[in-house]
């Protein structure tokens, strides 16, 4: 029993090396913002990216039916998209370890926007398979990056609550995005407007990520310039 208790004993906090400490930006005002302000921005970004993300994932089968390819082809494209999403989830973790959460969010958001744009001019059967694979490869690392951002910019005692809030926002974005895309199709009779709506929400996410990174770079430059 004693050996078992020793095995389950909580490890003492690891001492951070100077290299690790230099990558962590946890302060009372992360990125020069009030903590709750940064949290609100992450919530809005999470909703934006997942409204965009949900458009192909929720409606690709119906979209293929609307184009005349049939539901079976749409299901195959969805399978391709989700399979490449697994690859993306693993690859983005490797990338995030090297460039950080904010840059991974920016990269994923930009590439997801590119894939969404490609759905507009390319609606041939083969091209849709290719674009679906690209979309799956690009979007898989966006949602996990929010957990890394919380770890980098908020104190550990707040990590559970703030990570939960950020991920809840992404779930809301997926649900709302799936619904609003269908509602737009019902109003317009075409998925083109629904894709444009997804692109607009993706631009919202991209704008927030860009603005936060610019603040991070300016704060870092100011620290380096300080005597």
Protein backbone atom coordinates (compact mmCIF):
# COMPACT_ATOMS: atom_id res chain seq x y z
CA UNK A 1 0.00 0.00 0.00
CA UNK A 2 2.84 2.37 0.83
CA UNK A 3 4.47 1.76 -2.53
CA UNK A 4 1.14 2.37 -4.25
CA UNK A 5 0.69 5.63 -2.33
CA UNK A 6 4.15 6.75 -3.39
CA UNK A 7 3.35 5.92 -7.00
CA UNK A 8 0.18 8.01 -6.90
CA UNK A 9 1.79 10.94 -5.10
CA UNK A 10 1.43 14.22 -6.92
CA UNK A 11 4.65 15.34 -8.50
CA UNK A 12 6.10 18.67 -7.36
CA UNK A 13 5.77 21.54 -9.86
CA UNK A 14 8.53 21.42 -12.41
CA UNK A 15 10.92 24.32 -12.46
CA UNK A 16 10.74 26.26 -15.69
CA UNK A 17 13.89 26.78 -17.66
CA UNK A 18 14.66 30.22 -19.00
CA UNK A 19 13.73 29.02 -22.50
CA UNK A 20 10.36 27.79 -21.32
CA UNK A 21 9.70 30.92 -19.30
CA UNK A 22 10.45 33.11 -22.29
CA UNK A 23 7.64 31.45 -24.22
CA UNK A 24 5.02 31.94 -21.52
CA UNK A 25 3.14 35.23 -21.48
CA UNK A 26 1.03 34.75 -18.35
CA UNK A 27 0.57 38.15 -16.74
CA UNK A 28 -2.19 40.05 -15.01
CA UNK A 29 -2.85 41.71 -18.39
CA UNK A 30 -2.16 39.11 -21.09
CA UNK A 31 -1.27 40.82 -24.37
CA UNK A 32 -1.94 44.12 -22.60
CA UNK A 33 -5.64 43.24 -22.24
CA UNK A 34 -7.86 42.56 -19.28
CA UNK A 35 -8.11 38.74 -18.91
CA UNK A 36 -11.85 38.71 -19.53
CA UNK A 37 -11.41 40.88 -22.63
CA UNK A 38 -9.00 38.36 -24.09
CA UNK A 39 -11.43 35.59 -23.13
CA UNK A 40 -14.29 37.32 -24.96
CA UNK A 41 -12.11 37.68 -28.05
CA UNK A 42 -11.27 33.98 -27.95
CA UNK A 43 -14.97 33.13 -27.60
CA UNK A 44 -15.85 35.26 -30.64
CA UNK A 45 -12.95 33.74 -32.58
CA UNK A 46 -14.08 30.24 -31.62
CA UNK A 47 -17.61 30.91 -32.80
CA UNK A 48 -16.35 32.43 -36.04
CA UNK A 49 -14.00 29.62 -37.00
CA UNK A 50 -16.54 26.90 -36.23
CA UNK A 51 -19.43 28.55 -38.06
CA UNK A 52 -17.11 28.46 -41.07
CA UNK A 53 -15.94 24.93 -40.30
CA UNK A 54 -19.45 23.53 -39.99
CA UNK A 55 -20.55 24.58 -43.48
CA UNK A 56 -18.74 21.82 -45.44
CA UNK A 57 -18.84 19.27 -42.63
CA UNK A 58 -22.59 19.48 -42.04
CA UNK A 59 -23.77 20.18 -45.59
CA UNK A 60 -21.34 18.45 -47.96
CA UNK A 61 -23.72 15.50 -48.43
CA UNK A 62 -26.69 17.74 -49.17
CA UNK A 63 -24.48 19.95 -51.34
CA UNK A 64 -23.51 16.99 -53.50
CA UNK A 65 -27.16 16.02 -53.78
CA UNK A 66 -27.99 19.56 -54.86
CA UNK A 67 -25.28 19.36 -57.55
CA UNK A 68 -26.70 16.08 -58.81
CA UNK A 69 -23.89 13.79 -57.64
CA UNK A 70 -25.98 11.97 -55.06
CA UNK A 71 -25.75 11.48 -51.32
CA UNK A 72 -23.33 8.53 -51.63
CA UNK A 73 -20.67 10.74 -53.23
CA UNK A 74 -21.22 13.35 -50.55
CA UNK A 75 -20.76 10.73 -47.84
CA UNK A 76 -17.49 9.69 -49.45
CA UNK A 77 -16.30 13.30 -49.49
CA UNK A 78 -17.24 13.68 -45.83
CA UNK A 79 -15.24 10.54 -45.01
CA UNK A 80 -12.23 11.94 -46.89
CA UNK A 81 -12.61 15.25 -45.07
CA UNK A 82 -12.74 13.62 -41.63
CA UNK A 83 -9.87 11.25 -42.41
CA UNK A 84 -7.61 14.13 -43.38
CA UNK A 85 -8.86 15.91 -40.24
CA UNK A 86 -7.18 13.18 -38.18
CA UNK A 87 -3.90 13.84 -39.98
CA UNK A 88 -4.38 17.55 -39.44
CA UNK A 89 -5.01 17.12 -35.72
CA UNK A 90 -1.72 15.28 -35.27
CA UNK A 91 0.29 17.55 -37.58
CA UNK A 92 -1.05 20.72 -36.02
CA UNK A 93 0.03 19.51 -32.58
CA UNK A 94 3.57 19.18 -33.87
CA UNK A 95 3.34 22.67 -35.40
CA UNK A 96 1.85 24.16 -32.24
CA UNK A 97 4.74 22.88 -30.15
CA UNK A 98 7.07 24.93 -32.33
CA UNK A 99 5.22 28.15 -33.10
CA UNK A 100 2.68 28.46 -30.28
CA UNK A 101 -1.09 28.53 -30.05
CA UNK A 102 -1.81 31.95 -31.57
CA UNK A 103 0.28 31.36 -34.67
CA UNK A 104 -1.25 27.90 -35.11
CA UNK A 105 -4.71 29.47 -34.87
CA UNK A 106 -3.76 32.07 -37.48
CA UNK A 107 -2.27 29.47 -39.82
CA UNK A 108 -5.26 27.14 -39.51
CA UNK A 109 -7.76 29.95 -39.96
CA UNK A 110 -6.00 31.26 -43.07
CA UNK A 111 -5.78 27.82 -44.68
CA UNK A 112 -9.37 27.00 -43.79
CA UNK A 113 -10.44 30.22 -45.50
CA UNK A 114 -8.49 29.25 -48.60
CA UNK A 115 -10.23 25.86 -48.72
CA UNK A 116 -13.65 27.47 -48.26
CA UNK A 117 -12.94 29.86 -51.12
CA UNK A 118 -12.05 26.93 -53.36
CA UNK A 119 -15.53 25.44 -52.90
CA UNK A 120 -16.98 28.41 -54.83
CA UNK A 121 -15.33 28.01 -58.27
CA UNK A 122 -14.70 24.25 -58.17
CA UNK A 123 -17.85 22.13 -58.09
CA UNK A 124 -16.79 19.24 -60.33
CA UNK A 125 -16.81 15.76 -58.79
CA UNK A 126 -13.04 15.22 -58.76
CA UNK A 127 -12.31 18.77 -57.64
CA UNK A 128 -14.76 18.43 -54.74
CA UNK A 129 -12.91 15.34 -53.51
CA UNK A 130 -9.64 17.29 -53.64
CA UNK A 131 -11.05 20.38 -51.94
CA UNK A 132 -12.70 18.22 -49.25
CA UNK A 133 -9.35 16.61 -48.52
CA UNK A 134 -7.70 20.02 -48.35
CA UNK A 135 -10.37 21.35 -46.03
CA UNK A 136 -9.96 18.38 -43.70
CA UNK A 137 -6.20 18.80 -43.70
CA UNK A 138 -6.40 22.51 -42.91
CA UNK A 139 -9.10 22.69 -40.22
CA UNK A 140 -8.12 19.98 -37.74
CA UNK A 141 -5.75 22.06 -35.61
CA UNK A 142 -7.87 25.16 -35.08
CA UNK A 143 -9.99 24.09 -32.10
CA UNK A 144 -7.12 22.48 -30.09
CA UNK A 145 -5.09 25.67 -30.44
CA UNK A 146 -7.50 27.45 -28.08
CA UNK A 147 -6.43 25.18 -25.23
CA UNK A 148 -2.79 26.04 -25.94
CA UNK A 149 -3.59 29.76 -26.04
CA UNK A 150 -5.27 29.48 -22.63
CA UNK A 151 -2.22 27.68 -21.28
CA UNK A 152 0.11 30.35 -22.65
CA UNK A 153 -1.74 33.46 -21.52
CA UNK A 154 -3.73 32.58 -18.39
CA UNK A 155 -2.62 31.29 -14.99
CA UNK A 156 -2.90 27.52 -14.40
CA UNK A 157 -5.59 27.95 -11.73
CA UNK A 158 -7.93 29.36 -14.41
CA UNK A 159 -7.06 26.89 -17.16
CA UNK A 160 -9.97 24.51 -16.60
CA UNK A 161 -12.71 27.11 -16.64
CA UNK A 162 -11.29 29.17 -19.48
CA UNK A 163 -10.54 26.15 -21.67
CA UNK A 164 -14.08 24.94 -21.09
CA UNK A 165 -15.51 28.33 -22.08
CA UNK A 166 -13.40 28.47 -25.24
CA UNK A 167 -14.36 24.95 -26.31
CA UNK A 168 -18.02 25.57 -25.49
CA UNK A 169 -17.90 28.55 -27.86
CA UNK A 170 -16.57 26.33 -30.63
CA UNK A 171 -19.38 23.83 -30.04
CA UNK A 172 -21.92 26.63 -30.21
CA UNK A 173 -20.29 27.83 -33.44
CA UNK A 174 -20.59 24.36 -34.99
CA UNK A 175 -24.26 24.08 -34.01
CA UNK A 176 -25.15 27.62 -35.09
CA UNK A 177 -23.15 27.31 -38.30
CA UNK A 178 -24.87 24.11 -39.33
CA UNK A 179 -28.27 25.70 -38.73
CA UNK A 180 -27.58 29.09 -40.33
CA UNK A 181 -26.11 27.49 -43.46
CA UNK A 182 -29.27 25.47 -43.92
CA UNK A 183 -31.43 28.53 -43.28
CA UNK A 184 -29.48 30.50 -45.90
CA UNK A 185 -29.96 27.68 -48.40
CA UNK A 186 -33.69 27.65 -47.71
CA UNK A 187 -33.84 31.40 -48.34
CA UNK A 188 -31.68 31.51 -51.47
CA UNK A 189 -32.09 28.04 -52.96
CA UNK A 190 -28.32 27.77 -53.36
CA UNK A 191 -25.33 26.85 -51.19
CA UNK A 192 -23.19 29.62 -52.70
CA UNK A 193 -24.51 32.20 -50.23
CA UNK A 194 -23.98 29.73 -47.38
CA UNK A 195 -20.33 29.30 -48.36
CA UNK A 196 -19.91 33.09 -48.52
CA UNK A 197 -21.41 33.33 -45.03
CA UNK A 198 -18.88 30.77 -43.79
CA UNK A 199 -16.04 32.72 -45.40
CA UNK A 200 -17.22 35.91 -43.69
CA UNK A 201 -17.20 34.23 -40.26
CA UNK A 202 -13.76 32.79 -41.02
CA UNK A 203 -12.52 36.31 -41.78
CA UNK A 204 -13.78 37.35 -38.33
CA UNK A 205 -11.67 34.63 -36.73
CA UNK A 206 -8.70 35.49 -38.92
CA UNK A 207 -8.94 39.18 -38.01
CA UNK A 208 -8.95 38.45 -34.27
CA UNK A 209 -5.99 36.07 -34.52
CA UNK A 210 -4.02 38.58 -36.60
CA UNK A 211 -4.76 41.42 -34.19
CA UNK A 212 -3.71 39.36 -31.16
CA UNK A 213 -0.46 38.29 -32.81
CA UNK A 214 0.35 41.90 -33.71
CA UNK A 215 -0.18 42.87 -30.08
CA UNK A 216 2.06 40.03 -28.98
CA UNK A 217 4.82 41.12 -31.36
CA UNK A 218 4.57 44.77 -30.35
CA UNK A 219 4.71 43.90 -26.64
CA UNK A 220 7.73 41.65 -27.21
CA UNK A 221 9.48 44.36 -29.22
CA UNK A 222 8.82 46.90 -26.46
CA UNK A 223 10.30 44.54 -23.86
CA UNK A 224 13.41 43.98 -25.96
CA UNK A 225 13.84 47.71 -26.44
CA UNK A 226 13.46 48.46 -22.73
CA UNK A 227 16.78 49.06 -20.91
